[in-house]
Amino acid sequence: MAPQLLLLQVSHPVVGAGVADHSTFRAEPWPRLIRTLLSLTTVVYGGQEAATAEARRLLHVHTGMKGTDAQGRRYHALNPEAYHWVHATLVKGPVDALRLFGKGMSDGELDEYYRGMRDVGRVWGLKEHHLPPDWPAFLDYYDEMVAHRLEFNQSVQDVLDELARPAKPFRRLPGPLWSPFARLAAHYALLVTVGTLPPVLRERLHLTWSPRQERALRRFARAVRFLMALVLPPLRIAVSLAIAYWATHRPGTDPATRRPLGAC
């Protein structure tokens, strides 16, 4: 679902302009994805001190990202609406992924999850009035943003082009060895990314979607659920646990400060 999140993010005019002018994701899409994942994991699992330090780093990195977009509109990467929207995509993405590839979250689990992600937003510098108070209010905000604020732009096209021709995950990987995997990865990455976008946004981004593609997405999701059921539970979360361990034990994280976000 990571490509879908990136596509949603760059569909916001401020994020799209900032990525077009300042990001290196076209040159190094895999490292950028890993950095984003590690940053979020640090905020969630690294403890108050590490989370606050990471938030300060993000603010510093984005402070100088400003300019004028292709429509002549001035932008700044720290625009509160844009910053909030990036957070919102990271809130919604895991919920959508679990609904498609897993059992989904119960109402109680959604409430608990959203409370935790509100804490993440606060650490990132979002103000209380930027954060909808509960999950239903968040969905209303999300739908409103999709309906009225997202648009097609050059960064959207760049992401779609990258999905159609995915870069090698390792530079030394021989092209002939990567090529067959790249075609398969492109097919399913586009299938999942386009298929999980809100229909109104698909249309705005000039992306077609047919009943045949919908059936293919459902078959793929069933196959993923079947394969995941064969994997022992500890192995299913091994990658997440490894990332969380790194976030809580790398330099700059103090065991004494590793209490849940929002704790006193």
C-alpha atoms as a PDB file:
ATOM      1  CA  MET A   1       0.000   0.000   0.000  1.00  0.00           C
ATOM      2  CA  ALA A   2       3.022   2.312   0.243  1.00  0.00           C
ATOM      3  CA  PRO A   3       2.733   3.488  -3.395  1.00  0.00           C
ATOM      4  CA  GLN A   4      -0.927   4.322  -2.802  1.00  0.00           C
ATOM      5  CA  LEU A   5       0.033   6.483   0.172  1.00  0.00           C
ATOM      6  CA  LEU A   6       2.655   8.296  -1.875  1.00  0.00           C
ATOM      7  CA  LEU A   7       0.172   8.891  -4.695  1.00  0.00           C
ATOM      8  CA  LEU A   8      -2.396  10.266  -2.253  1.00  0.00           C
ATOM      9  CA  GLN A   9       0.207  12.524  -0.683  1.00  0.00           C
ATOM     10  CA  VAL A  10       1.526  14.039  -3.907  1.00  0.00           C
ATOM     11  CA  SER A  11      -2.035  14.616  -5.126  1.00  0.00           C
ATOM     12  CA  HIS A  12      -2.142  17.477  -2.639  1.00  0.00           C
ATOM     13  CA  PRO A  13      -0.910  20.545  -4.553  1.00  0.00           C
ATOM     14  CA  VAL A  14       1.593  21.604  -1.887  1.00  0.00           C
ATOM     15  CA  VAL A  15       3.066  18.132  -1.441  1.00  0.00           C
ATOM     16  CA  GLY A  16       3.138  17.541  -5.181  1.00  0.00           C
ATOM     17  CA  ALA A  17       4.999  20.790  -5.807  1.00  0.00           C
ATOM     18  CA  GLY A  18       7.455  20.146  -2.987  1.00  0.00           C
ATOM     19  CA  VAL A  19       8.220  16.645  -4.241  1.00  0.00           C
ATOM     20  CA  ALA A  20       8.663  17.882  -7.819  1.00  0.00           C
ATOM     21  CA  ASP A  21      11.088  20.624  -6.783  1.00  0.00           C
ATOM     22  CA  HIS A  22      12.953  19.141  -3.834  1.00  0.00           C
ATOM     23  CA  SER A  23      12.537  15.357  -3.516  1.00  0.00           C
ATOM     24  CA  THR A  24      14.901  12.658  -4.771  1.00  0.00           C
ATOM     25  CA  PHE A  25      12.292   9.922  -4.934  1.00  0.00           C
ATOM     26  CA  ARG A  26      12.695   9.470  -8.713  1.00  0.00           C
ATOM     27  CA  ALA A  27      16.423   8.860  -8.266  1.00  0.00           C
ATOM     28  CA  GLU A  28      16.130   6.692  -5.150  1.00  0.00           C
ATOM     29  CA  PRO A  29      12.548   5.494  -4.553  1.00  0.00           C
ATOM     30  CA  TRP A  30      13.498   2.531  -2.356  1.00  0.00           C
ATOM     31  CA  PRO A  31      15.762   4.458   0.063  1.00  0.00           C
ATOM     32  CA  ARG A  32      13.120   7.180   0.330  1.00  0.00           C
ATOM     33  CA  LEU A  33      10.455   4.607   1.214  1.00  0.00           C
ATOM     34  CA  ILE A  34      12.727   3.054   3.842  1.00  0.00           C
ATOM     35  CA  ARG A  35      13.523   6.459   5.359  1.00  0.00           C
ATOM     36  CA  THR A  36       9.823   7.285   5.608  1.00  0.00           C
ATOM     37  CA  LEU A  37       9.088   3.951   7.274  1.00  0.00           C
ATOM     38  CA  LEU A  38      11.946   4.330   9.745  1.00  0.00           C
ATOM     39  CA  SER A  39      10.894   7.885  10.563  1.00  0.00           C
ATOM     40  CA  LEU A  40       7.328   6.858  11.365  1.00  0.00           C
ATOM     41  CA  THR A  41       8.521   3.855  13.382  1.00  0.00           C
ATOM     42  CA  THR A  42      10.867   6.068  15.387  1.00  0.00           C
ATOM     43  CA  VAL A  43       7.999   8.380  16.290  1.00  0.00           C
ATOM     44  CA  VAL A  44       5.716   5.496  17.285  1.00  0.00           C
ATOM     45  CA  TYR A  45       8.191   3.203  19.070  1.00  0.00           C
ATOM     46  CA  GLY A  46      11.288   5.260  19.853  1.00  0.00           C
ATOM     47  CA  GLY A  47       9.986   6.857  23.042  1.00  0.00           C
ATOM     48  CA  GLN A  48       9.230  10.483  23.815  1.00  0.00           C
ATOM     49  CA  GLU A  49      12.796  11.751  23.474  1.00  0.00           C
ATOM     50  CA  ALA A  50      13.537  10.040  20.151  1.00  0.00           C
ATOM     51  CA  ALA A  51      10.095  10.889  18.771  1.00  0.00           C
ATOM     52  CA  THR A  52      10.521  14.566  19.618  1.00  0.00           C
ATOM     53  CA  ALA A  53      14.014  14.604  18.097  1.00  0.00           C
ATOM     54  CA  GLU A  54      12.707  12.999  14.907  1.00  0.00           C
ATOM     55  CA  ALA A  55       9.895  15.549  14.712  1.00  0.00           C
ATOM     56  CA  ARG A  56      12.435  18.374  15.034  1.00  0.00           C
ATOM     57  CA  ARG A  57      14.521  16.796  12.280  1.00  0.00           C
ATOM     58  CA  LEU A  58      11.521  16.597   9.958  1.00  0.00           C
ATOM     59  CA  LEU A  59      10.669  20.235  10.599  1.00  0.00           C
ATOM     60  CA  HIS A  60      14.269  21.239   9.867  1.00  0.00           C
ATOM     61  CA  VAL A  61      14.373  19.200   6.650  1.00  0.00           C
ATOM     62  CA  HIS A  62      11.142  20.728   5.354  1.00  0.00           C
ATOM     63  CA  THR A  63      11.748  24.329   6.439  1.00  0.00           C
ATOM     64  CA  GLY A  64      13.554  25.294   3.247  1.00  0.00           C
ATOM     65  CA  MET A  65      11.197  23.482   0.887  1.00  0.00           C
ATOM     66  CA  LYS A  66       9.236  26.278  -0.721  1.00  0.00           C
ATOM     67  CA  GLY A  67       8.702  27.825  -4.119  1.00  0.00           C
ATOM     68  CA  THR A  68       6.117  28.367  -6.821  1.00  0.00           C
ATOM     69  CA  ASP A  69       4.256  25.466  -8.430  1.00  0.00           C
ATOM     70  CA  ALA A  70       3.422  24.941 -12.109  1.00  0.00           C
ATOM     71  CA  GLN A  71       0.165  26.864 -11.661  1.00  0.00           C
ATOM     72  CA  GLY A  72       1.975  29.898 -10.279  1.00  0.00           C
ATOM     73  CA  ARG A  73       0.877  29.235  -6.696  1.00  0.00           C
ATOM     74  CA  ARG A  74       3.392  29.820  -3.926  1.00  0.00           C
ATOM     75  CA  TYR A  75       3.857  26.896  -1.543  1.00  0.00           C
ATOM     76  CA  HIS A  76       5.748  25.902   1.583  1.00  0.00           C
ATOM     77  CA  ALA A  77       6.252  22.308   2.717  1.00  0.00           C
ATOM     78  CA  LEU A  78       5.227  23.204   6.275  1.00  0.00           C
ATOM     79  CA  ASN A  79       1.796  24.377   5.150  1.00  0.00           C
ATOM     80  CA  PRO A  80      -0.414  23.028   7.985  1.00  0.00           C
ATOM     81  CA  GLU A  81      -3.030  21.584   5.639  1.00  0.00           C
ATOM     82  CA  ALA A  82      -0.410  19.693   3.642  1.00  0.00           C
ATOM     83  CA  TYR A  83       1.377  18.461   6.773  1.00  0.00           C
ATOM     84  CA  HIS A  84      -1.948  17.276   8.163  1.00  0.00           C
ATOM     85  CA  TRP A  85      -2.805  15.512   4.909  1.00  0.00           C
ATOM     86  CA  VAL A  86       0.446  13.530   4.893  1.00  0.00           C
ATOM     87  CA  HIS A  87      -0.309  12.431   8.456  1.00  0.00           C
ATOM     88  CA  ALA A  88      -3.859  11.513   7.421  1.00  0.00           C
ATOM     89  CA  THR A  89      -2.651   9.207   4.654  1.00  0.00           C
ATOM     90  CA  LEU A  90      -0.409   7.415   7.144  1.00  0.00           C
ATOM     91  CA  VAL A  91      -3.396   7.045   9.469  1.00  0.00           C
ATOM     92  CA  LYS A  92      -5.733   5.639   6.827  1.00  0.00           C
ATOM     93  CA  GLY A  93      -3.283   3.453   4.912  1.00  0.00           C
ATOM     94  CA  PRO A  94      -2.826   0.664   7.487  1.00  0.00           C
ATOM     95  CA  VAL A  95      -6.586   0.510   8.055  1.00  0.00           C
ATOM     96  CA  ASP A  96      -7.230   0.051   4.339  1.00  0.00           C
ATOM     97  CA  ALA A  97      -4.439  -2.527   4.063  1.00  0.00           C
ATOM     98  CA  LEU A  98      -5.818  -4.616   6.916  1.00  0.00           C
ATOM     99  CA  ARG A  99      -9.309  -4.411   5.460  1.00  0.00           C
ATOM    100  CA  LEU A 100      -8.101  -5.647   2.072  1.00  0.00           C
ATOM    101  CA  PHE A 101      -5.403  -8.139   3.027  1.00  0.00           C
ATOM    102  CA  GLY A 102      -6.450  -9.137   6.550  1.00  0.00           C
ATOM    103  CA  LYS A 103      -9.443  -9.241   8.859  1.00  0.00           C
ATOM    104  CA  GLY A 104      -9.716  -5.505   9.336  1.00  0.00           C
ATOM    105  CA  MET A 105     -10.039  -3.680  12.655  1.00  0.00           C
ATOM    106  CA  SER A 106     -12.987  -3.784  15.008  1.00  0.00           C
ATOM    107  CA  ASP A 107     -14.601  -0.528  16.114  1.00  0.00           C
ATOM    108  CA  GLY A 108     -12.742  -0.745  19.419  1.00  0.00           C
ATOM    109  CA  GLU A 109      -9.425  -1.387  17.701  1.00  0.00           C
ATOM    110  CA  LEU A 110     -10.031   1.546  15.349  1.00  0.00           C
ATOM    111  CA  ASP A 111     -10.704   3.861  18.272  1.00  0.00           C
ATOM    112  CA  GLU A 112      -7.526   2.768  20.066  1.00  0.00           C
ATOM    113  CA  TYR A 113      -5.456   2.942  16.884  1.00  0.00           C
ATOM    114  CA  TYR A 114      -6.703   6.421  16.048  1.00  0.00           C
ATOM    115  CA  ARG A 115      -5.960   7.711  19.534  1.00  0.00           C
ATOM    116  CA  GLY A 116      -2.376   6.541  19.079  1.00  0.00           C
ATOM    117  CA  MET A 117      -2.086   8.180  15.678  1.00  0.00           C
ATOM    118  CA  ARG A 118      -3.417  11.444  17.101  1.00  0.00           C
ATOM    119  CA  ASP A 119      -0.478  11.292  19.502  1.00  0.00           C
ATOM    120  CA  VAL A 120       1.848  10.822  16.533  1.00  0.00           C
ATOM    121  CA  GLY A 121       0.315  13.893  14.919  1.00  0.00           C
ATOM    122  CA  ARG A 122       0.890  15.963  18.047  1.00  0.00           C
ATOM    123  CA  VAL A 123       4.544  14.906  18.158  1.00  0.00           C
ATOM    124  CA  TRP A 124       4.880  15.939  14.516  1.00  0.00           C
ATOM    125  CA  GLY A 125       3.681  19.393  15.464  1.00  0.00           C
ATOM    126  CA  LEU A 126       0.036  19.257  14.430  1.00  0.00           C
ATOM    127  CA  LYS A 127      -2.237  21.393  16.577  1.00  0.00           C
ATOM    128  CA  GLU A 128      -5.283  19.999  18.330  1.00  0.00           C
ATOM    129  CA  HIS A 129      -7.653  21.698  15.892  1.00  0.00           C
ATOM    130  CA  HIS A 130      -5.891  19.913  13.011  1.00  0.00           C
ATOM    131  CA  LEU A 131      -6.754  16.508  14.478  1.00  0.00           C
ATOM    132  CA  PRO A 132     -10.357  15.279  14.190  1.00  0.00           C
ATOM    133  CA  PRO A 133     -11.490  14.106  17.645  1.00  0.00           C
ATOM    134  CA  ASP A 134     -12.486  10.554  16.700  1.00  0.00           C
ATOM    135  CA  TRP A 135     -12.481   8.049  13.849  1.00  0.00           C
ATOM    136  CA  PRO A 136     -15.849   9.038  12.290  1.00  0.00           C
ATOM    137  CA  ALA A 137     -14.789  12.700  12.306  1.00  0.00           C
ATOM    138  CA  PHE A 138     -11.468  11.703  10.737  1.00  0.00           C
ATOM    139  CA  LEU A 139     -13.283   9.897   7.912  1.00  0.00           C
ATOM    140  CA  ASP A 140     -15.402  12.996   7.272  1.00  0.00           C
ATOM    141  CA  TYR A 141     -12.235  15.108   7.073  1.00  0.00           C
ATOM    142  CA  TYR A 142     -10.537  12.559   4.800  1.00  0.00           C
ATOM    143  CA  ASP A 143     -13.476  12.379   2.392  1.00  0.00           C
ATOM    144  CA  GLU A 144     -13.682  16.179   2.275  1.00  0.00           C
ATOM    145  CA  MET A 145      -9.994  16.448   1.372  1.00  0.00           C
ATOM    146  CA  VAL A 146     -10.310  13.827  -1.363  1.00  0.00           C
ATOM    147  CA  ALA A 147     -13.388  15.511  -2.797  1.00  0.00           C
ATOM    148  CA  HIS A 148     -12.105  19.076  -2.860  1.00  0.00           C
ATOM    149  CA  ARG A 149      -8.332  19.438  -2.396  1.00  0.00           C
ATOM    150  CA  LEU A 150      -6.541  16.705  -4.350  1.00  0.00           C
ATOM    151  CA  GLU A 151      -5.542  17.128  -7.976  1.00  0.00           C
ATOM    152  CA  PHE A 152      -3.517  15.753 -10.850  1.00  0.00           C
ATOM    153  CA  ASN A 153      -0.004  17.194 -11.152  1.00  0.00           C
ATOM    154  CA  GLN A 154       3.445  16.289 -12.435  1.00  0.00           C
ATOM    155  CA  SER A 155       4.386  14.442  -9.251  1.00  0.00           C
ATOM    156  CA  VAL A 156       1.308  12.243  -9.635  1.00  0.00           C
ATOM    157  CA  GLN A 157       2.458  11.351 -13.145  1.00  0.00           C
ATOM    158  CA  ASP A 158       5.995  10.716 -11.893  1.00  0.00           C
ATOM    159  CA  VAL A 159       4.738   8.276  -9.255  1.00  0.00           C
ATOM    160  CA  LEU A 160       2.609   6.439 -11.820  1.00  0.00           C
ATOM    161  CA  ASP A 161       5.574   6.253 -14.204  1.00  0.00           C
ATOM    162  CA  GLU A 162       7.761   4.859 -11.429  1.00  0.00           C
ATOM    163  CA  LEU A 163       5.143   2.219 -10.613  1.00  0.00           C
ATOM    164  CA  ALA A 164       4.970   1.190 -14.256  1.00  0.00           C
ATOM    165  CA  ARG A 165       8.774   0.877 -14.445  1.00  0.00           C
ATOM    166  CA  PRO A 166       9.961   0.115 -10.908  1.00  0.00           C
ATOM    167  CA  ALA A 167      13.583   0.810 -10.116  1.00  0.00           C
ATOM    168  CA  LYS A 168      15.905  -1.955  -8.971  1.00  0.00           C
ATOM    169  CA  PRO A 169      15.911  -2.279  -5.161  1.00  0.00           C
ATOM    170  CA  PHE A 170      19.703  -2.739  -5.295  1.00  0.00           C
ATOM    171  CA  ARG A 171      21.933  -0.956  -7.801  1.00  0.00           C
ATOM    172  CA  ARG A 172      24.157  -3.991  -8.324  1.00  0.00           C
ATOM    173  CA  LEU A 173      21.209  -6.256  -9.144  1.00  0.00           C
ATOM    174  CA  PRO A 174      21.667  -7.283 -12.803  1.00  0.00           C
ATOM    175  CA  GLY A 175      19.013  -5.830 -15.082  1.00  0.00           C
ATOM    176  CA  PRO A 176      18.158  -9.162 -16.787  1.00  0.00           C
ATOM    177  CA  LEU A 177      17.594 -10.731 -13.366  1.00  0.00           C
ATOM    178  CA  TRP A 178      15.361  -7.877 -12.195  1.00  0.00           C
ATOM    179  CA  SER A 179      13.376  -7.469 -15.418  1.00  0.00           C
ATOM    180  CA  PRO A 180      10.849 -10.334 -14.995  1.00  0.00           C
ATOM    181  CA  PHE A 181      10.271  -9.403 -11.354  1.00  0.00           C
ATOM    182  CA  ALA A 182       9.882  -5.755 -12.350  1.00  0.00           C
ATOM    183  CA  ARG A 183       7.070  -6.575 -14.765  1.00  0.00           C
ATOM    184  CA  LEU A 184       5.269  -8.605 -12.120  1.00  0.00           C
ATOM    185  CA  ALA A 185       5.844  -5.943  -9.463  1.00  0.00           C
ATOM    186  CA  ALA A 186       4.571  -3.215 -11.786  1.00  0.00           C
ATOM    187  CA  HIS A 187       1.402  -5.135 -12.584  1.00  0.00           C
ATOM    188  CA  TYR A 188       0.419  -5.738  -8.978  1.00  0.00           C
ATOM    189  CA  ALA A 189       1.656  -2.393  -7.671  1.00  0.00           C
ATOM    190  CA  LEU A 190      -0.553  -0.569 -10.171  1.00  0.00           C
ATOM    191  CA  LEU A 191      -3.444  -2.951  -9.516  1.00  0.00           C
ATOM    192  CA  VAL A 192      -3.376  -2.344  -5.758  1.00  0.00           C
ATOM    193  CA  THR A 193      -2.543   1.358  -5.969  1.00  0.00           C
ATOM    194  CA  VAL A 194      -5.202   2.311  -8.499  1.00  0.00           C
ATOM    195  CA  GLY A 195      -7.767  -0.116  -7.124  1.00  0.00           C
ATOM    196  CA  THR A 196      -7.596   1.196  -3.572  1.00  0.00           C
ATOM    197  CA  LEU A 197      -7.847   4.885  -4.462  1.00  0.00           C
ATOM    198  CA  PRO A 198     -11.178   6.586  -3.768  1.00  0.00           C
ATOM    199  CA  PRO A 199     -13.195   6.335  -7.025  1.00  0.00           C
ATOM    200  CA  VAL A 200     -13.648  10.105  -7.253  1.00  0.00           C
ATOM    201  CA  LEU A 201      -9.872  10.571  -7.114  1.00  0.00           C
ATOM    202  CA  ARG A 202      -9.243   7.845  -9.683  1.00  0.00           C
ATOM    203  CA  GLU A 203     -11.408   9.762 -12.121  1.00  0.00           C
ATOM    204  CA  ARG A 204      -9.704  13.071 -11.347  1.00  0.00           C
ATOM    205  CA  LEU A 205      -6.283  11.505 -11.925  1.00  0.00           C
ATOM    206  CA  HIS A 206      -7.440  10.118 -15.302  1.00  0.00           C
ATOM    207  CA  LEU A 207      -7.076   6.501 -14.141  1.00  0.00           C
ATOM    208  CA  THR A 208      -9.389   3.861 -15.571  1.00  0.00           C
ATOM    209  CA  TRP A 209     -10.810   1.024 -13.493  1.00  0.00           C
ATOM    210  CA  SER A 210     -12.958  -1.804 -14.807  1.00  0.00           C
ATOM    211  CA  PRO A 211     -14.988  -4.637 -13.236  1.00  0.00           C
ATOM    212  CA  ARG A 212     -12.341  -7.005 -14.589  1.00  0.00           C
ATOM    213  CA  GLN A 213      -9.606  -5.136 -12.711  1.00  0.00           C
ATOM    214  CA  GLU A 214     -11.730  -5.128  -9.562  1.00  0.00           C
ATOM    215  CA  ARG A 215     -12.084  -8.912  -9.779  1.00  0.00           C
ATOM    216  CA  ALA A 216      -8.324  -9.246 -10.303  1.00  0.00           C
ATOM    217  CA  LEU A 217      -7.669  -7.126  -7.207  1.00  0.00           C
ATOM    218  CA  ARG A 218     -10.028  -9.266  -5.117  1.00  0.00           C
ATOM    219  CA  ARG A 219      -8.341 -12.459  -6.345  1.00  0.00           C
ATOM    220  CA  PHE A 220      -4.928 -11.044  -5.488  1.00  0.00           C
ATOM    221  CA  ALA A 221      -6.130 -10.019  -2.019  1.00  0.00           C
ATOM    222  CA  ARG A 222      -7.533 -13.506  -1.400  1.00  0.00           C
ATOM    223  CA  ALA A 223      -4.221 -15.034  -2.480  1.00  0.00           C
ATOM    224  CA  VAL A 224      -2.314 -12.776  -0.083  1.00  0.00           C
ATOM    225  CA  ARG A 225      -4.661 -13.661   2.788  1.00  0.00           C
ATOM    226  CA  PHE A 226      -4.280 -17.370   2.004  1.00  0.00           C
ATOM    227  CA  LEU A 227      -0.485 -17.188   1.896  1.00  0.00           C
ATOM    228  CA  MET A 228      -0.313 -15.126   5.081  1.00  0.00           C
ATOM    229  CA  ALA A 229      -2.454 -17.718   6.867  1.00  0.00           C
ATOM    230  CA  LEU A 230       0.267 -20.289   6.135  1.00  0.00           C
ATOM    231  CA  VAL A 231       2.930 -18.173   7.827  1.00  0.00           C
ATOM    232  CA  LEU A 232       3.403 -18.567  11.568  1.00  0.00           C
ATOM    233  CA  PRO A 233       2.195 -15.448  13.457  1.00  0.00           C
ATOM    234  CA  PRO A 234       5.667 -14.539  14.806  1.00  0.00           C
ATOM    235  CA  LEU A 235       7.063 -14.568  11.270  1.00  0.00           C
ATOM    236  CA  ARG A 236       4.220 -12.390   9.954  1.00  0.00           C
ATOM    237  CA  ILE A 237       5.337  -9.510  12.113  1.00  0.00           C
ATOM    238  CA  ALA A 238       9.080 -10.220  12.034  1.00  0.00           C
ATOM    239  CA  VAL A 239       9.876  -7.246   9.797  1.00  0.00           C
ATOM    240  CA  SER A 240       7.748  -4.892  11.883  1.00  0.00           C
ATOM    241  CA  LEU A 241       9.397  -6.133  15.059  1.00  0.00           C
ATOM    242  CA  ALA A 242      12.867  -5.692  13.559  1.00  0.00           C
ATOM    243  CA  ILE A 243      12.093  -2.114  12.535  1.00  0.00           C
ATOM    244  CA  ALA A 244      10.574  -1.356  15.930  1.00  0.00           C
ATOM    245  CA  TYR A 245      13.664  -2.804  17.644  1.00  0.00           C
ATOM    246  CA  TRP A 246      15.920  -0.605  15.509  1.00  0.00           C
ATOM    247  CA  ALA A 247      13.814   2.452  16.317  1.00  0.00           C
ATOM    248  CA  THR A 248      14.034   1.822  20.049  1.00  0.00           C
ATOM    249  CA  HIS A 249      17.702   0.823  20.246  1.00  0.00           C
ATOM    250  CA  ARG A 250      19.513   2.998  17.737  1.00  0.00           C
ATOM    251  CA  PRO A 251      21.723   5.839  19.010  1.00  0.00           C
ATOM    252  CA  GLY A 252      19.709   8.658  20.497  1.00  0.00           C
ATOM    253  CA  THR A 253      17.008   6.529  22.054  1.00  0.00           C
ATOM    254  CA  ASP A 254      17.099   6.216  25.807  1.00  0.00           C
ATOM    255  CA  PRO A 255      15.447   3.131  27.369  1.00  0.00           C
ATOM    256  CA  ALA A 256      14.280   5.302  30.256  1.00  0.00           C
ATOM    257  CA  THR A 257      12.189   7.409  27.865  1.00  0.00           C
ATOM    258  CA  ARG A 258      10.525   4.545  25.993  1.00  0.00           C
ATOM    259  CA  ARG A 259       7.030   5.078  27.279  1.00  0.00           C
ATOM    260  CA  PRO A 260       3.969   5.211  25.025  1.00  0.00           C
ATOM    261  CA  LEU A 261       3.289   8.434  23.188  1.00  0.00           C
ATOM    262  CA  GLY A 262       0.919  10.585  25.182  1.00  0.00           C
ATOM    263  CA  ALA A 263       1.910   9.021  28.495  1.00  0.00           C
ATOM    264  CA  CYS A 264       2.618  11.300  31.426  1.00  0.00           C
END
